[in-house]
Amino acid sequence: VVVAAPGQEVPLLPSDVRILHDDQEHLGPLAGMAVGLRALAGEVEAAFVSACDVPLLNSAFISEVIRRLGSHELAVPKEGDFFHPLAGVYRTSLAERASQLVAAQRMRPLFLIQASDSVEIPVGELRGADSELQSLLNLNRPEDYEAVLRLAELVDHREASGDFASDAK
């Protein structure tokens, strides 16, 4: 499931990807999470939630966050005092709570984390799945985009040459 802003054009995606739209503009990620979780309720118990600007997200990282969910309502990486709510796993049963928070003008995903049975995952514990925590890198600034392009070029070069050990630290 991909949730976009109202009227937002979305690039061509595989035919099995459902494209949904926020109910209103400019309500932020929590509103989009509510739409996506509501759409998945009855199909799955939980969903990994990500932003659209995380090009280095990997499946091992996602699997590890899912594994940490256990019987909790959500599992979210935490770095010091900072949560990574758009790299977490949320039970679809949280859709209504997320909608209620949005209706109450409590738009930050942090409010859902605080109002739920949450498991906080220290990011260091996710390094086994993603040693450099690249799954948490998002592209908020042009320099972030340039850095990821340089990294992608390095990875492509190593994959082509088979030379992974020379970059080990």
N, C-alpha and C. Protein backbone atom coordinates (compact mmCIF):
# COMPACT_ATOMS: atom_id res chain seq x y z
N VAL A 1 0.85 -1.18 0.00
CA VAL A 1 0.00 0.00 0.00
C VAL A 1 0.89 1.23 0.00
N VAL A 2 0.57 2.17 -0.87
CA VAL A 2 1.23 3.48 -0.91
C VAL A 2 0.16 4.52 -0.64
N VAL A 3 0.43 5.42 0.30
CA VAL A 3 -0.51 6.51 0.59
C VAL A 3 0.12 7.81 0.12
N ALA A 4 -0.58 8.51 -0.74
CA ALA A 4 -0.10 9.77 -1.32
C ALA A 4 -1.03 10.91 -0.90
N ALA A 5 -0.57 12.11 -1.13
CA ALA A 5 -1.40 13.29 -0.86
C ALA A 5 -2.57 13.31 -1.84
N PRO A 6 -3.65 13.99 -1.49
CA PRO A 6 -4.78 14.10 -2.43
C PRO A 6 -4.32 14.69 -3.77
N GLY A 7 -4.63 14.00 -4.85
CA GLY A 7 -4.27 14.47 -6.18
C GLY A 7 -2.82 14.28 -6.57
N GLN A 8 -1.99 13.77 -5.69
CA GLN A 8 -0.57 13.58 -5.99
C GLN A 8 -0.40 12.47 -7.03
N GLU A 9 0.41 12.76 -8.04
CA GLU A 9 0.75 11.74 -9.02
C GLU A 9 1.81 10.83 -8.43
N VAL A 10 1.66 9.55 -8.66
CA VAL A 10 2.57 8.55 -8.13
C VAL A 10 3.22 7.86 -9.31
N PRO A 11 4.53 7.59 -9.23
CA PRO A 11 5.19 6.89 -10.34
C PRO A 11 4.57 5.50 -10.56
N LEU A 12 4.81 4.97 -11.72
CA LEU A 12 4.31 3.64 -12.06
C LEU A 12 4.87 2.63 -11.05
N LEU A 13 3.98 1.88 -10.46
CA LEU A 13 4.35 0.86 -9.47
C LEU A 13 3.79 -0.48 -9.92
N PRO A 14 4.29 -1.58 -9.36
CA PRO A 14 3.75 -2.89 -9.73
C PRO A 14 2.23 -2.93 -9.54
N SER A 15 1.57 -3.75 -10.33
CA SER A 15 0.10 -3.77 -10.34
C SER A 15 -0.50 -4.23 -9.02
N ASP A 16 0.27 -4.93 -8.19
CA ASP A 16 -0.28 -5.39 -6.91
C ASP A 16 -0.13 -4.36 -5.79
N VAL A 17 0.41 -3.19 -6.10
CA VAL A 17 0.54 -2.12 -5.11
C VAL A 17 -0.72 -1.26 -5.17
N ARG A 18 -1.39 -1.16 -4.04
CA ARG A 18 -2.59 -0.31 -3.96
C ARG A 18 -2.16 1.11 -3.66
N ILE A 19 -2.68 2.05 -4.42
CA ILE A 19 -2.38 3.47 -4.19
C ILE A 19 -3.61 4.11 -3.58
N LEU A 20 -3.41 4.68 -2.40
CA LEU A 20 -4.48 5.36 -1.67
C LEU A 20 -4.08 6.82 -1.52
N HIS A 21 -5.04 7.64 -1.13
CA HIS A 21 -4.76 9.06 -0.93
C HIS A 21 -5.26 9.52 0.43
N ASP A 22 -4.51 10.44 1.03
CA ASP A 22 -4.95 11.05 2.28
C ASP A 22 -6.34 11.64 2.09
N ASP A 23 -7.09 11.70 3.18
CA ASP A 23 -8.43 12.28 3.13
C ASP A 23 -8.37 13.80 2.92
N GLN A 24 -7.35 14.45 3.48
CA GLN A 24 -7.19 15.90 3.37
C GLN A 24 -5.72 16.21 3.13
N GLU A 25 -5.46 17.39 2.59
CA GLU A 25 -4.08 17.81 2.35
C GLU A 25 -3.42 18.30 3.64
N HIS A 26 -2.10 18.18 3.65
CA HIS A 26 -1.24 18.80 4.66
C HIS A 26 -1.50 18.35 6.09
N LEU A 27 -1.91 17.10 6.27
CA LEU A 27 -2.13 16.62 7.63
C LEU A 27 -0.94 15.84 8.17
N GLY A 28 0.03 15.55 7.33
CA GLY A 28 1.25 14.90 7.80
C GLY A 28 1.19 13.38 7.78
N PRO A 29 2.29 12.77 8.23
CA PRO A 29 2.41 11.32 8.12
C PRO A 29 1.42 10.53 8.96
N LEU A 30 1.02 11.03 10.13
CA LEU A 30 0.09 10.27 10.96
C LEU A 30 -1.23 10.05 10.23
N ALA A 31 -1.70 11.05 9.51
CA ALA A 31 -2.94 10.90 8.75
C ALA A 31 -2.77 9.84 7.66
N GLY A 32 -1.64 9.85 6.99
CA GLY A 32 -1.37 8.83 5.97
C GLY A 32 -1.26 7.44 6.57
N MET A 33 -0.67 7.37 7.76
CA MET A 33 -0.58 6.08 8.44
C MET A 33 -1.98 5.55 8.75
N ALA A 34 -2.87 6.43 9.19
CA ALA A 34 -4.24 6.01 9.51
C ALA A 34 -4.92 5.45 8.26
N VAL A 35 -4.76 6.12 7.13
CA VAL A 35 -5.36 5.66 5.88
C VAL A 35 -4.81 4.29 5.49
N GLY A 36 -3.50 4.14 5.54
CA GLY A 36 -2.88 2.87 5.16
C GLY A 36 -3.23 1.73 6.10
N LEU A 37 -3.18 1.98 7.40
CA LEU A 37 -3.51 0.94 8.37
C LEU A 37 -4.97 0.53 8.25
N ARG A 38 -5.85 1.49 8.05
CA ARG A 38 -7.28 1.20 7.88
C ARG A 38 -7.50 0.31 6.65
N ALA A 39 -6.79 0.61 5.57
CA ALA A 39 -6.95 -0.17 4.33
C ALA A 39 -6.47 -1.61 4.50
N LEU A 40 -5.49 -1.81 5.36
CA LEU A 40 -4.92 -3.14 5.53
C LEU A 40 -5.60 -3.96 6.63
N ALA A 41 -6.41 -3.31 7.45
CA ALA A 41 -7.10 -4.02 8.54
C ALA A 41 -7.94 -5.15 7.95
N GLY A 42 -7.89 -6.29 8.58
CA GLY A 42 -8.61 -7.45 8.07
C GLY A 42 -7.79 -8.29 7.11
N GLU A 43 -6.72 -7.71 6.56
CA GLU A 43 -5.84 -8.45 5.64
C GLU A 43 -4.57 -8.90 6.35
N VAL A 44 -4.00 -8.00 7.15
CA VAL A 44 -2.78 -8.29 7.89
C VAL A 44 -2.94 -7.74 9.30
N GLU A 45 -2.16 -8.27 10.22
CA GLU A 45 -2.22 -7.79 11.60
C GLU A 45 -1.38 -6.55 11.82
N ALA A 46 -0.31 -6.42 11.05
CA ALA A 46 0.61 -5.29 11.25
C ALA A 46 1.25 -4.94 9.92
N ALA A 47 1.78 -3.71 9.87
CA ALA A 47 2.42 -3.23 8.64
C ALA A 47 3.66 -2.42 8.98
N PHE A 48 4.68 -2.57 8.16
CA PHE A 48 5.86 -1.71 8.28
C PHE A 48 5.53 -0.39 7.61
N VAL A 49 5.80 0.71 8.30
CA VAL A 49 5.50 2.04 7.78
C VAL A 49 6.82 2.73 7.46
N SER A 50 6.92 3.27 6.25
CA SER A 50 8.13 3.96 5.81
C SER A 50 7.76 5.23 5.07
N ALA A 51 8.69 6.15 5.06
CA ALA A 51 8.56 7.34 4.23
C ALA A 51 8.93 6.97 2.79
N CYS A 52 8.68 7.87 1.87
CA CYS A 52 8.98 7.61 0.46
C CYS A 52 10.42 7.96 0.11
N ASP A 53 11.14 8.61 1.02
CA ASP A 53 12.49 9.09 0.71
C ASP A 53 13.57 8.31 1.46
N VAL A 54 13.43 6.98 1.47
CA VAL A 54 14.38 6.11 2.17
C VAL A 54 14.91 5.09 1.16
N PRO A 55 15.83 5.51 0.30
CA PRO A 55 16.25 4.65 -0.81
C PRO A 55 17.09 3.44 -0.41
N LEU A 56 17.64 3.42 0.80
CA LEU A 56 18.52 2.32 1.19
C LEU A 56 17.87 1.37 2.19
N LEU A 57 16.57 1.43 2.31
CA LEU A 57 15.81 0.54 3.18
C LEU A 57 16.03 -0.90 2.72
N ASN A 58 16.32 -1.80 3.67
CA ASN A 58 16.54 -3.18 3.24
C ASN A 58 15.62 -4.15 3.99
N SER A 59 15.39 -5.27 3.39
CA SER A 59 14.42 -6.23 3.92
C SER A 59 14.86 -6.85 5.24
N ALA A 60 16.17 -7.02 5.47
CA ALA A 60 16.63 -7.57 6.74
C ALA A 60 16.29 -6.63 7.89
N PHE A 61 16.42 -5.33 7.66
CA PHE A 61 16.06 -4.33 8.66
C PHE A 61 14.57 -4.43 8.97
N ILE A 62 13.75 -4.47 7.93
CA ILE A 62 12.30 -4.57 8.12
C ILE A 62 11.96 -5.83 8.90
N SER A 63 12.55 -6.95 8.53
CA SER A 63 12.28 -8.22 9.21
C SER A 63 12.64 -8.15 10.69
N GLU A 64 13.74 -7.49 11.01
CA GLU A 64 14.15 -7.38 12.41
C GLU A 64 13.18 -6.52 13.21
N VAL A 65 12.72 -5.43 12.64
CA VAL A 65 11.74 -4.58 13.34
C VAL A 65 10.44 -5.37 13.54
N ILE A 66 10.02 -6.11 12.53
CA ILE A 66 8.82 -6.95 12.65
C ILE A 66 9.01 -7.97 13.76
N ARG A 67 10.17 -8.59 13.82
CA ARG A 67 10.46 -9.61 14.84
C ARG A 67 10.32 -9.03 16.24
N ARG A 68 10.70 -7.77 16.41
CA ARG A 68 10.66 -7.13 17.72
C ARG A 68 9.25 -6.75 18.18
N LEU A 69 8.29 -6.77 17.27
CA LEU A 69 6.92 -6.36 17.62
C LEU A 69 6.33 -7.22 18.73
N GLY A 70 6.51 -8.53 18.63
CA GLY A 70 5.95 -9.43 19.64
C GLY A 70 4.46 -9.19 19.80
N SER A 71 4.01 -9.05 21.04
CA SER A 71 2.59 -8.82 21.32
C SER A 71 2.25 -7.34 21.47
N HIS A 72 3.22 -6.47 21.22
CA HIS A 72 3.00 -5.02 21.35
C HIS A 72 2.16 -4.48 20.19
N GLU A 73 1.69 -3.25 20.36
CA GLU A 73 0.91 -2.61 19.30
C GLU A 73 1.79 -2.01 18.22
N LEU A 74 2.99 -1.60 18.60
CA LEU A 74 3.92 -1.06 17.61
C LEU A 74 5.34 -1.24 18.08
N ALA A 75 6.26 -1.28 17.13
CA ALA A 75 7.69 -1.38 17.39
C ALA A 75 8.37 -0.29 16.58
N VAL A 76 9.21 0.50 17.25
CA VAL A 76 9.81 1.65 16.57
C VAL A 76 11.26 1.83 17.02
N PRO A 77 12.18 2.05 16.06
CA PRO A 77 13.56 2.33 16.41
C PRO A 77 13.68 3.66 17.16
N LYS A 78 14.63 3.69 18.08
CA LYS A 78 14.86 4.91 18.86
C LYS A 78 16.36 5.15 18.96
N GLU A 79 16.75 6.38 18.71
CA GLU A 79 18.16 6.79 18.74
C GLU A 79 18.29 7.92 19.76
N GLY A 80 18.79 7.58 20.96
CA GLY A 80 18.80 8.57 22.03
C GLY A 80 17.38 8.92 22.40
N ASP A 81 17.02 10.19 22.30
CA ASP A 81 15.65 10.63 22.58
C ASP A 81 14.80 10.70 21.32
N PHE A 82 15.37 10.36 20.17
CA PHE A 82 14.67 10.52 18.88
C PHE A 82 14.10 9.19 18.40
N PHE A 83 12.80 9.19 18.14
CA PHE A 83 12.15 8.03 17.54
C PHE A 83 12.23 8.13 16.02
N HIS A 84 12.22 6.97 15.38
CA HIS A 84 12.13 6.88 13.92
C HIS A 84 10.76 6.27 13.60
N PRO A 85 9.68 7.07 13.72
CA PRO A 85 8.34 6.51 13.55
C PRO A 85 8.04 6.03 12.13
N LEU A 86 8.78 6.53 11.15
CA LEU A 86 8.55 6.09 9.77
C LEU A 86 9.54 4.99 9.39
N ALA A 87 9.88 4.19 10.39
CA ALA A 87 10.68 2.98 10.20
C ALA A 87 10.20 1.96 11.22
N GLY A 88 8.90 1.97 11.46
CA GLY A 88 8.33 1.13 12.50
C GLY A 88 7.26 0.19 11.98
N VAL A 89 6.87 -0.71 12.86
CA VAL A 89 5.81 -1.67 12.56
C VAL A 89 4.63 -1.33 13.46
N TYR A 90 3.46 -1.22 12.85
CA TYR A 90 2.24 -0.81 13.54
C TYR A 90 1.14 -1.84 13.30
N ARG A 91 0.45 -2.21 14.35
CA ARG A 91 -0.72 -3.08 14.19
C ARG A 91 -1.80 -2.30 13.44
N THR A 92 -2.49 -2.96 12.56
CA THR A 92 -3.54 -2.29 11.80
C THR A 92 -4.68 -1.84 12.71
N SER A 93 -4.79 -2.45 13.88
CA SER A 93 -5.83 -2.04 14.83
C SER A 93 -5.60 -0.63 15.36
N LEU A 94 -4.44 -0.03 15.10
CA LEU A 94 -4.15 1.34 15.53
C LEU A 94 -4.73 2.39 14.59
N ALA A 95 -5.34 2.00 13.50
CA ALA A 95 -5.86 2.96 12.52
C ALA A 95 -6.83 3.95 13.16
N GLU A 96 -7.75 3.46 13.95
CA GLU A 96 -8.75 4.35 14.57
C GLU A 96 -8.09 5.30 15.57
N ARG A 97 -7.15 4.79 16.36
CA ARG A 97 -6.46 5.66 17.31
C ARG A 97 -5.69 6.75 16.58
N ALA A 98 -5.04 6.40 15.48
CA ALA A 98 -4.31 7.40 14.69
C ALA A 98 -5.28 8.44 14.14
N SER A 99 -6.43 8.01 13.65
CA SER A 99 -7.44 8.95 13.14
C SER A 99 -7.94 9.88 14.24
N GLN A 100 -8.15 9.33 15.42
CA GLN A 100 -8.61 10.15 16.55
C GLN A 100 -7.57 11.21 16.93
N LEU A 101 -6.32 10.84 16.90
CA LEU A 101 -5.26 11.81 17.21
C LEU A 101 -5.23 12.92 16.17
N VAL A 102 -5.37 12.57 14.90
CA VAL A 102 -5.40 13.58 13.84
C VAL A 102 -6.59 14.51 14.04
N ALA A 103 -7.76 13.94 14.34
CA ALA A 103 -8.96 14.75 14.56
C ALA A 103 -8.79 15.71 15.74
N ALA A 104 -7.97 15.30 16.72
CA ALA A 104 -7.72 16.13 17.89
C ALA A 104 -6.54 17.08 17.67
N GLN A 105 -6.07 17.17 16.42
CA GLN A 105 -4.94 18.04 16.07
C GLN A 105 -3.63 17.61 16.74
N ARG A 106 -3.52 16.35 17.08
CA ARG A 106 -2.28 15.79 17.64
C ARG A 106 -1.64 14.99 16.51
N MET A 107 -0.99 15.72 15.60
CA MET A 107 -0.58 15.20 14.30
C MET A 107 0.73 14.42 14.28
N ARG A 108 1.51 14.49 15.31
CA ARG A 108 2.83 13.86 15.27
C ARG A 108 2.73 12.36 15.55
N PRO A 109 3.45 11.53 14.79
CA PRO A 109 3.46 10.10 15.08
C PRO A 109 3.89 9.79 16.51
N LEU A 110 4.68 10.67 17.12
CA LEU A 110 5.09 10.48 18.50
C LEU A 110 3.88 10.33 19.42
N PHE A 111 2.80 11.04 19.13
CA PHE A 111 1.60 10.93 19.97
C PHE A 111 1.00 9.53 19.90
N LEU A 112 1.06 8.89 18.75
CA LEU A 112 0.58 7.52 18.62
C LEU A 112 1.50 6.57 19.39
N ILE A 113 2.79 6.80 19.31
CA ILE A 113 3.74 5.98 20.06
C ILE A 113 3.44 6.08 21.55
N GLN A 114 3.24 7.30 22.04
CA GLN A 114 2.98 7.52 23.46
C GLN A 114 1.64 6.94 23.91
N ALA A 115 0.67 6.89 23.01
CA ALA A 115 -0.68 6.43 23.36
C ALA A 115 -0.87 4.93 23.15
N SER A 116 0.22 4.22 22.85
CA SER A 116 0.12 2.81 22.50
C SER A 116 1.08 1.97 23.32
N ASP A 117 0.84 0.67 23.30
CA ASP A 117 1.77 -0.29 23.89
C ASP A 117 2.92 -0.45 22.90
N SER A 118 3.98 0.30 23.15
CA SER A 118 5.09 0.39 22.19
C SER A 118 6.33 -0.34 22.71
N VAL A 119 7.07 -0.92 21.79
CA VAL A 119 8.40 -1.41 22.12
C VAL A 119 9.38 -0.50 21.39
N GLU A 120 10.29 0.09 22.16
CA GLU A 120 11.31 0.98 21.60
C GLU A 120 12.55 0.14 21.34
N ILE A 121 13.07 0.22 20.14
CA ILE A 121 14.23 -0.58 19.75
C ILE A 121 15.44 0.35 19.64
N PRO A 122 16.42 0.22 20.54
CA PRO A 122 17.63 1.03 20.38
C PRO A 122 18.25 0.73 19.01
N VAL A 123 18.58 1.77 18.26
CA VAL A 123 19.05 1.56 16.89
C VAL A 123 20.29 0.67 16.83
N GLY A 124 21.11 0.71 17.85
CA GLY A 124 22.30 -0.14 17.87
C GLY A 124 21.95 -1.62 17.78
N GLU A 125 20.78 -1.99 18.28
CA GLU A 125 20.35 -3.39 18.23
C GLU A 125 19.89 -3.81 16.84
N LEU A 126 19.79 -2.85 15.93
CA LEU A 126 19.38 -3.17 14.55
C LEU A 126 20.57 -3.28 13.61
N ARG A 127 21.78 -3.07 14.12
CA ARG A 127 22.98 -3.12 13.27
C ARG A 127 23.25 -4.51 12.73
N GLY A 128 22.77 -5.54 13.39
CA GLY A 128 22.93 -6.90 12.87
C GLY A 128 22.20 -7.08 11.55
N ALA A 129 21.13 -6.33 11.36
CA ALA A 129 20.35 -6.40 10.13
C ALA A 129 20.78 -5.36 9.11
N ASP A 130 21.36 -4.26 9.60
CA ASP A 130 21.76 -3.14 8.74
C ASP A 130 22.93 -2.45 9.44
N SER A 131 24.14 -2.92 9.17
CA SER A 131 25.32 -2.51 9.94
C SER A 131 25.55 -1.00 9.98
N GLU A 132 25.23 -0.31 8.92
CA GLU A 132 25.42 1.15 8.87
C GLU A 132 24.12 1.91 9.11
N LEU A 133 23.06 1.18 9.43
CA LEU A 133 21.73 1.78 9.65
C LEU A 133 21.29 2.64 8.47
N GLN A 134 21.63 2.20 7.27
CA GLN A 134 21.25 2.95 6.07
C GLN A 134 19.75 2.97 5.85
N SER A 135 19.05 2.02 6.46
CA SER A 135 17.59 2.00 6.34
C SER A 135 16.93 3.18 7.02
N LEU A 136 17.69 3.90 7.83
CA LEU A 136 17.16 5.08 8.53
C LEU A 136 17.53 6.39 7.83
N LEU A 137 18.30 6.30 6.75
CA LEU A 137 18.72 7.51 6.04
C LEU A 137 17.61 7.99 5.10
N ASN A 138 17.17 9.21 5.31
CA ASN A 138 16.19 9.77 4.39
C ASN A 138 16.78 10.97 3.67
N LEU A 139 16.11 11.40 2.65
CA LEU A 139 16.63 12.45 1.77
C LEU A 139 15.85 13.75 1.98
N ASN A 140 16.22 14.49 3.01
CA ASN A 140 15.53 15.74 3.31
C ASN A 140 16.16 16.95 2.65
N ARG A 141 17.42 16.83 2.27
CA ARG A 141 18.14 17.98 1.69
C ARG A 141 18.86 17.53 0.43
N PRO A 142 19.20 18.47 -0.45
CA PRO A 142 19.94 18.10 -1.66
C PRO A 142 21.26 17.38 -1.34
N GLU A 143 21.91 17.77 -0.25
CA GLU A 143 23.18 17.10 0.10
C GLU A 143 22.96 15.64 0.47
N ASP A 144 21.81 15.32 1.06
CA ASP A 144 21.49 13.93 1.38
C ASP A 144 21.37 13.11 0.09
N TYR A 145 20.72 13.69 -0.89
CA TYR A 145 20.55 13.03 -2.19
C TYR A 145 21.90 12.78 -2.83
N GLU A 146 22.77 13.79 -2.83
CA GLU A 146 24.11 13.64 -3.42
C GLU A 146 24.91 12.57 -2.69
N ALA A 147 24.81 12.52 -1.37
CA ALA A 147 25.55 11.52 -0.60
C ALA A 147 25.08 10.10 -0.95
N VAL A 148 23.78 9.92 -1.11
CA VAL A 148 23.26 8.60 -1.46
C VAL A 148 23.69 8.21 -2.88
N LEU A 149 23.73 9.17 -3.79
CA LEU A 149 24.21 8.87 -5.14
C LEU A 149 25.67 8.40 -5.10
N ARG A 150 26.49 9.07 -4.31
CA ARG A 150 27.90 8.65 -4.18
C ARG A 150 27.99 7.26 -3.58
N LEU A 151 27.20 6.99 -2.57
CA LEU A 151 27.19 5.68 -1.94
C LEU A 151 26.74 4.61 -2.92
N ALA A 152 25.71 4.89 -3.69
CA ALA A 152 25.21 3.93 -4.68
C ALA A 152 26.28 3.62 -5.72
N GLU A 153 27.01 4.63 -6.13
CA GLU A 153 28.09 4.42 -7.10
C GLU A 153 29.16 3.52 -6.51
N LEU A 154 29.51 3.72 -5.25
CA LEU A 154 30.51 2.90 -4.58
C LEU A 154 30.01 1.46 -4.48
N VAL A 155 28.77 1.26 -4.10
CA VAL A 155 28.21 -0.08 -3.98
C VAL A 155 28.19 -0.77 -5.33
N ASP A 156 27.75 -0.07 -6.39
CA ASP A 156 27.73 -0.65 -7.72
C ASP A 156 29.13 -1.08 -8.15
N HIS A 157 30.13 -0.24 -7.87
CA HIS A 157 31.50 -0.56 -8.24
C HIS A 157 31.97 -1.82 -7.51
N ARG A 158 31.70 -1.90 -6.21
CA ARG A 158 32.13 -3.07 -5.44
C ARG A 158 31.42 -4.32 -5.92
N GLU A 159 30.13 -4.22 -6.22
CA GLU A 159 29.39 -5.39 -6.69
C GLU A 159 29.92 -5.86 -8.03
N ALA A 160 30.25 -4.93 -8.91
CA ALA A 160 30.76 -5.29 -10.23
C ALA A 160 32.13 -5.96 -10.13
N SER A 161 32.97 -5.47 -9.21
CA SER A 161 34.32 -6.00 -9.11
C SER A 161 34.43 -7.16 -8.13
N GLY A 162 33.40 -7.34 -7.29
CA GLY A 162 33.47 -8.37 -6.27
C GLY A 162 34.37 -7.98 -5.12
N ASP A 163 34.79 -6.71 -5.06
CA ASP A 163 35.74 -6.24 -4.05
C ASP A 163 35.00 -5.60 -2.88
N PHE A 164 34.56 -6.45 -1.95
CA PHE A 164 33.86 -5.93 -0.78
C PHE A 164 34.82 -5.76 0.39
N ALA A 165 35.83 -6.59 0.49
CA ALA A 165 36.73 -6.56 1.64
C ALA A 165 37.57 -5.30 1.70
N SER A 166 37.90 -4.70 0.57
CA SER A 166 38.79 -3.53 0.59
C SER A 166 38.15 -2.32 1.24
N ASP A 167 36.82 -2.30 1.33
CA ASP A 167 36.14 -1.17 1.96
C ASP A 167 35.82 -1.42 3.43
N ALA A 168 36.15 -2.60 3.93
CA ALA A 168 35.86 -2.90 5.33
C ALA A 168 36.71 -2.04 6.24
N LYS A 169 36.13 -1.67 7.34
CA LYS A 169 36.85 -0.82 8.31
C LYS A 169 37.12 -1.57 9.57
